[in-house]
Amino acid sequence: MSKPVREHPLKGQFDTASARWVRPQTDDGTPGELEIGFADNGLVAMRRVDDPDGTILIYTPEEWEAFVGGVRDGELDLSVLAVDARNATSPEGE
């Protein structure tokens, strides 16, 4: 298990243990594959539900607002991102 406090060299510390984690639903109402964490210091993180001790992406409040705005404006197709993420972790040829 990894340490609960993740250090980002430019953004500071994100405490995974004290963050408030939410799991958004997919379009069909089922739980999504990602969790969004909100820390007391304003940082926001995103991680995979099936690997909470794995890699997390850490955003400043301004970066998070830009990301969410882009999603709302249709700049990201989350279904394509999910396929890309699965393909990146699958051994070649499967």
N, C-alpha and C. Protein backbone atom coordinates (compact mmCIF):
# COMPACT_ATOMS: atom_id res chain seq x y z
N MET A 1 0.84 -1.18 0.00
CA MET A 1 0.00 0.00 0.00
C MET A 1 0.89 1.24 0.00
N SER A 2 0.52 2.22 -0.79
CA SER A 2 1.31 3.44 -0.87
C SER A 2 0.99 4.36 0.29
N LYS A 3 1.83 5.34 0.49
CA LYS A 3 1.62 6.32 1.56
C LYS A 3 0.40 7.17 1.23
N PRO A 4 -0.36 7.58 2.25
CA PRO A 4 -1.56 8.36 1.99
C PRO A 4 -1.29 9.78 1.48
N VAL A 5 -0.11 10.33 1.78
CA VAL A 5 0.20 11.68 1.31
C VAL A 5 1.04 11.59 0.05
N ARG A 6 0.50 12.11 -1.04
CA ARG A 6 1.22 12.15 -2.31
C ARG A 6 1.81 13.53 -2.49
N GLU A 7 3.05 13.60 -2.88
CA GLU A 7 3.75 14.87 -3.05
C GLU A 7 3.89 15.18 -4.53
N HIS A 8 3.38 16.33 -4.94
CA HIS A 8 3.59 16.81 -6.30
C HIS A 8 4.64 17.91 -6.21
N PRO A 9 5.70 17.83 -7.03
CA PRO A 9 6.81 18.78 -6.89
C PRO A 9 6.42 20.25 -7.07
N LEU A 10 5.36 20.52 -7.80
CA LEU A 10 4.97 21.91 -8.05
C LEU A 10 3.68 22.30 -7.34
N LYS A 11 2.83 21.33 -7.05
CA LYS A 11 1.50 21.64 -6.54
C LYS A 11 1.35 21.42 -5.04
N GLY A 12 2.25 20.66 -4.44
CA GLY A 12 2.17 20.42 -3.01
C GLY A 12 1.69 19.02 -2.68
N GLN A 13 1.15 18.88 -1.48
CA GLN A 13 0.76 17.58 -0.97
C GLN A 13 -0.74 17.33 -1.12
N PHE A 14 -1.05 16.09 -1.47
CA PHE A 14 -2.44 15.65 -1.54
C PHE A 14 -2.57 14.45 -0.61
N ASP A 15 -3.40 14.58 0.42
CA ASP A 15 -3.59 13.51 1.40
C ASP A 15 -4.78 12.66 0.97
N THR A 16 -4.49 11.47 0.47
CA THR A 16 -5.55 10.59 -0.03
C THR A 16 -6.45 10.08 1.09
N ALA A 17 -5.92 9.99 2.30
CA ALA A 17 -6.71 9.47 3.43
C ALA A 17 -7.75 10.46 3.93
N SER A 18 -7.43 11.75 3.88
CA SER A 18 -8.39 12.73 4.40
C SER A 18 -9.22 13.41 3.30
N ALA A 19 -8.90 13.13 2.04
CA ALA A 19 -9.66 13.72 0.93
C ALA A 19 -11.09 13.17 0.91
N ARG A 20 -12.01 13.97 0.40
CA ARG A 20 -13.40 13.52 0.20
C ARG A 20 -13.48 12.96 -1.22
N TRP A 21 -13.65 11.66 -1.35
CA TRP A 21 -13.67 10.99 -2.65
C TRP A 21 -15.11 10.79 -3.11
N VAL A 22 -15.36 11.08 -4.38
CA VAL A 22 -16.67 10.83 -4.98
C VAL A 22 -16.46 9.98 -6.24
N ARG A 23 -17.45 9.18 -6.53
CA ARG A 23 -17.40 8.30 -7.70
C ARG A 23 -18.57 8.65 -8.61
N PRO A 24 -18.31 9.43 -9.64
CA PRO A 24 -19.40 9.82 -10.55
C PRO A 24 -20.00 8.60 -11.24
N GLN A 25 -21.26 8.74 -11.61
CA GLN A 25 -21.96 7.68 -12.34
C GLN A 25 -21.76 7.87 -13.84
N THR A 26 -21.87 6.77 -14.57
CA THR A 26 -21.83 6.83 -16.03
C THR A 26 -23.19 7.29 -16.55
N ASP A 27 -23.30 7.45 -17.84
CA ASP A 27 -24.55 7.90 -18.45
C ASP A 27 -25.72 6.96 -18.15
N ASP A 28 -25.42 5.66 -17.98
CA ASP A 28 -26.51 4.72 -17.71
C ASP A 28 -26.79 4.54 -16.22
N GLY A 29 -26.13 5.33 -15.37
CA GLY A 29 -26.40 5.30 -13.94
C GLY A 29 -25.55 4.34 -13.14
N THR A 30 -24.68 3.58 -13.79
CA THR A 30 -23.80 2.68 -13.06
C THR A 30 -22.59 3.45 -12.54
N PRO A 31 -21.95 2.96 -11.47
CA PRO A 31 -20.78 3.65 -10.94
C PRO A 31 -19.65 3.69 -11.97
N GLY A 32 -18.99 4.83 -12.05
CA GLY A 32 -17.89 5.00 -13.00
C GLY A 32 -16.62 4.32 -12.54
N GLU A 33 -15.61 4.34 -13.42
CA GLU A 33 -14.33 3.70 -13.13
C GLU A 33 -13.35 4.63 -12.43
N LEU A 34 -13.69 5.91 -12.32
CA LEU A 34 -12.80 6.88 -11.72
C LEU A 34 -13.39 7.45 -10.44
N GLU A 35 -12.50 7.88 -9.54
CA GLU A 35 -12.89 8.60 -8.34
C GLU A 35 -12.23 9.97 -8.38
N ILE A 36 -12.95 10.95 -7.88
CA ILE A 36 -12.43 12.31 -7.79
C ILE A 36 -12.28 12.64 -6.31
N GLY A 37 -11.09 13.09 -5.93
CA GLY A 37 -10.83 13.42 -4.54
C GLY A 37 -10.64 14.92 -4.34
N PHE A 38 -11.25 15.45 -3.30
CA PHE A 38 -11.16 16.87 -2.99
C PHE A 38 -10.46 17.01 -1.64
N ALA A 39 -9.28 17.65 -1.64
CA ALA A 39 -8.49 17.83 -0.42
C ALA A 39 -8.81 19.17 0.24
N ASP A 40 -8.54 19.24 1.52
CA ASP A 40 -8.78 20.47 2.28
C ASP A 40 -7.96 21.64 1.76
N ASN A 41 -6.80 21.38 1.15
CA ASN A 41 -5.94 22.46 0.66
C ASN A 41 -6.34 22.94 -0.74
N GLY A 42 -7.45 22.43 -1.28
CA GLY A 42 -7.95 22.89 -2.57
C GLY A 42 -7.55 22.02 -3.75
N LEU A 43 -6.57 21.15 -3.56
CA LEU A 43 -6.16 20.28 -4.67
C LEU A 43 -7.24 19.25 -4.95
N VAL A 44 -7.29 18.82 -6.20
CA VAL A 44 -8.25 17.81 -6.65
C VAL A 44 -7.45 16.70 -7.30
N ALA A 45 -7.84 15.46 -7.06
CA ALA A 45 -7.13 14.32 -7.64
C ALA A 45 -8.12 13.38 -8.31
N MET A 46 -7.59 12.62 -9.25
CA MET A 46 -8.39 11.63 -9.96
C MET A 46 -7.60 10.32 -9.95
N ARG A 47 -8.31 9.22 -9.65
CA ARG A 47 -7.67 7.90 -9.64
C ARG A 47 -8.67 6.85 -10.11
N ARG A 48 -8.14 5.69 -10.47
CA ARG A 48 -8.98 4.57 -10.85
C ARG A 48 -9.52 3.89 -9.59
N VAL A 49 -10.79 3.52 -9.62
CA VAL A 49 -11.43 2.88 -8.48
C VAL A 49 -10.75 1.54 -8.17
N ASP A 50 -10.37 0.80 -9.20
CA ASP A 50 -9.80 -0.52 -8.99
C ASP A 50 -8.32 -0.50 -8.60
N ASP A 51 -7.72 0.70 -8.50
CA ASP A 51 -6.31 0.81 -8.12
C ASP A 51 -6.09 2.07 -7.28
N PRO A 52 -6.72 2.15 -6.09
CA PRO A 52 -6.65 3.38 -5.31
C PRO A 52 -5.24 3.74 -4.84
N ASP A 53 -4.35 2.76 -4.78
CA ASP A 53 -2.97 3.05 -4.38
C ASP A 53 -2.05 3.29 -5.57
N GLY A 54 -2.61 3.26 -6.77
CA GLY A 54 -1.83 3.47 -7.98
C GLY A 54 -1.64 4.94 -8.29
N THR A 55 -1.42 5.21 -9.53
CA THR A 55 -1.18 6.58 -10.00
C THR A 55 -2.42 7.44 -9.80
N ILE A 56 -2.20 8.66 -9.33
CA ILE A 56 -3.28 9.64 -9.26
C ILE A 56 -2.84 10.89 -10.01
N LEU A 57 -3.79 11.55 -10.60
CA LEU A 57 -3.54 12.84 -11.25
C LEU A 57 -3.95 13.93 -10.27
N ILE A 58 -3.09 14.90 -10.08
CA ILE A 58 -3.35 15.97 -9.12
C ILE A 58 -3.52 17.29 -9.87
N TYR A 59 -4.59 18.00 -9.54
CA TYR A 59 -4.92 19.26 -10.20
C TYR A 59 -5.01 20.39 -9.18
N THR A 60 -4.59 21.58 -9.58
CA THR A 60 -4.87 22.77 -8.79
C THR A 60 -6.34 23.11 -9.03
N PRO A 61 -6.93 23.97 -8.20
CA PRO A 61 -8.33 24.35 -8.44
C PRO A 61 -8.54 24.95 -9.84
N GLU A 62 -7.59 25.74 -10.31
CA GLU A 62 -7.71 26.35 -11.65
C GLU A 62 -7.63 25.30 -12.75
N GLU A 63 -6.72 24.35 -12.60
CA GLU A 63 -6.62 23.27 -13.59
C GLU A 63 -7.89 22.43 -13.60
N TRP A 64 -8.44 22.15 -12.41
CA TRP A 64 -9.65 21.35 -12.34
C TRP A 64 -10.82 22.06 -13.01
N GLU A 65 -10.95 23.36 -12.76
CA GLU A 65 -12.02 24.13 -13.41
C GLU A 65 -11.88 24.09 -14.92
N ALA A 66 -10.65 24.22 -15.42
CA ALA A 66 -10.42 24.15 -16.87
C ALA A 66 -10.75 22.77 -17.42
N PHE A 67 -10.37 21.72 -16.69
CA PHE A 67 -10.66 20.36 -17.12
C PHE A 67 -12.17 20.12 -17.19
N VAL A 68 -12.88 20.47 -16.11
CA VAL A 68 -14.33 20.27 -16.06
C VAL A 68 -15.01 21.11 -17.15
N GLY A 69 -14.55 22.33 -17.34
CA GLY A 69 -15.11 23.16 -18.41
C GLY A 69 -14.93 22.54 -19.78
N GLY A 70 -13.77 21.95 -20.02
CA GLY A 70 -13.53 21.28 -21.29
C GLY A 70 -14.43 20.09 -21.50
N VAL A 71 -14.65 19.33 -20.43
CA VAL A 71 -15.56 18.18 -20.53
C VAL A 71 -16.97 18.67 -20.85
N ARG A 72 -17.42 19.69 -20.15
CA ARG A 72 -18.77 20.21 -20.38
C ARG A 72 -18.93 20.78 -21.79
N ASP A 73 -17.85 21.32 -22.34
CA ASP A 73 -17.90 21.88 -23.69
C ASP A 73 -17.72 20.83 -24.77
N GLY A 74 -17.55 19.56 -24.37
CA GLY A 74 -17.41 18.49 -25.35
C GLY A 74 -16.01 18.32 -25.89
N GLU A 75 -15.01 18.89 -25.22
CA GLU A 75 -13.63 18.78 -25.70
C GLU A 75 -13.04 17.39 -25.45
N LEU A 76 -13.65 16.63 -24.56
CA LEU A 76 -13.17 15.28 -24.25
C LEU A 76 -14.30 14.29 -24.46
N ASP A 77 -13.98 13.19 -25.11
CA ASP A 77 -14.94 12.10 -25.26
C ASP A 77 -14.50 11.02 -24.28
N LEU A 78 -15.17 10.92 -23.14
CA LEU A 78 -14.75 10.03 -22.08
C LEU A 78 -14.78 8.56 -22.48
N SER A 79 -15.67 8.18 -23.39
CA SER A 79 -15.69 6.78 -23.82
C SER A 79 -14.41 6.44 -24.58
N VAL A 80 -13.89 7.37 -25.36
CA VAL A 80 -12.63 7.15 -26.07
C VAL A 80 -11.48 7.08 -25.07
N LEU A 81 -11.48 7.95 -24.07
CA LEU A 81 -10.43 7.94 -23.05
C LEU A 81 -10.43 6.62 -22.28
N ALA A 82 -11.60 6.08 -21.97
CA ALA A 82 -11.67 4.81 -21.24
C ALA A 82 -11.08 3.68 -22.07
N VAL A 83 -11.38 3.64 -23.36
CA VAL A 83 -10.81 2.61 -24.24
C VAL A 83 -9.30 2.78 -24.33
N ASP A 84 -8.83 4.01 -24.48
CA ASP A 84 -7.40 4.27 -24.54
C ASP A 84 -6.70 3.81 -23.26
N ALA A 85 -7.31 4.06 -22.11
CA ALA A 85 -6.72 3.65 -20.83
C ALA A 85 -6.64 2.13 -20.73
N ARG A 86 -7.70 1.44 -21.16
CA ARG A 86 -7.67 -0.02 -21.12
C ARG A 86 -6.61 -0.56 -22.07
N ASN A 87 -6.50 0.02 -23.25
CA ASN A 87 -5.51 -0.44 -24.22
C ASN A 87 -4.09 -0.20 -23.73
N ALA A 88 -3.87 0.87 -23.00
CA ALA A 88 -2.54 1.20 -22.49
C ALA A 88 -2.08 0.21 -21.43
N THR A 89 -3.02 -0.40 -20.71
CA THR A 89 -2.65 -1.33 -19.64
C THR A 89 -2.73 -2.79 -20.08
N SER A 90 -3.24 -3.06 -21.28
CA SER A 90 -3.35 -4.43 -21.77
C SER A 90 -2.06 -4.82 -22.50
N PRO A 91 -1.61 -6.06 -22.28
CA PRO A 91 -0.46 -6.54 -23.05
C PRO A 91 -0.79 -6.53 -24.54
N GLU A 92 0.19 -6.26 -25.37
CA GLU A 92 -0.06 -6.21 -26.81
C GLU A 92 -0.57 -7.55 -27.31
N GLY A 93 -1.49 -7.46 -28.24
CA GLY A 93 -2.04 -8.65 -28.85
C GLY A 93 -3.28 -9.19 -28.18
N GLU A 94 -3.69 -8.60 -27.10
CA GLU A 94 -4.91 -9.08 -26.42
C GLU A 94 -6.10 -8.27 -26.83
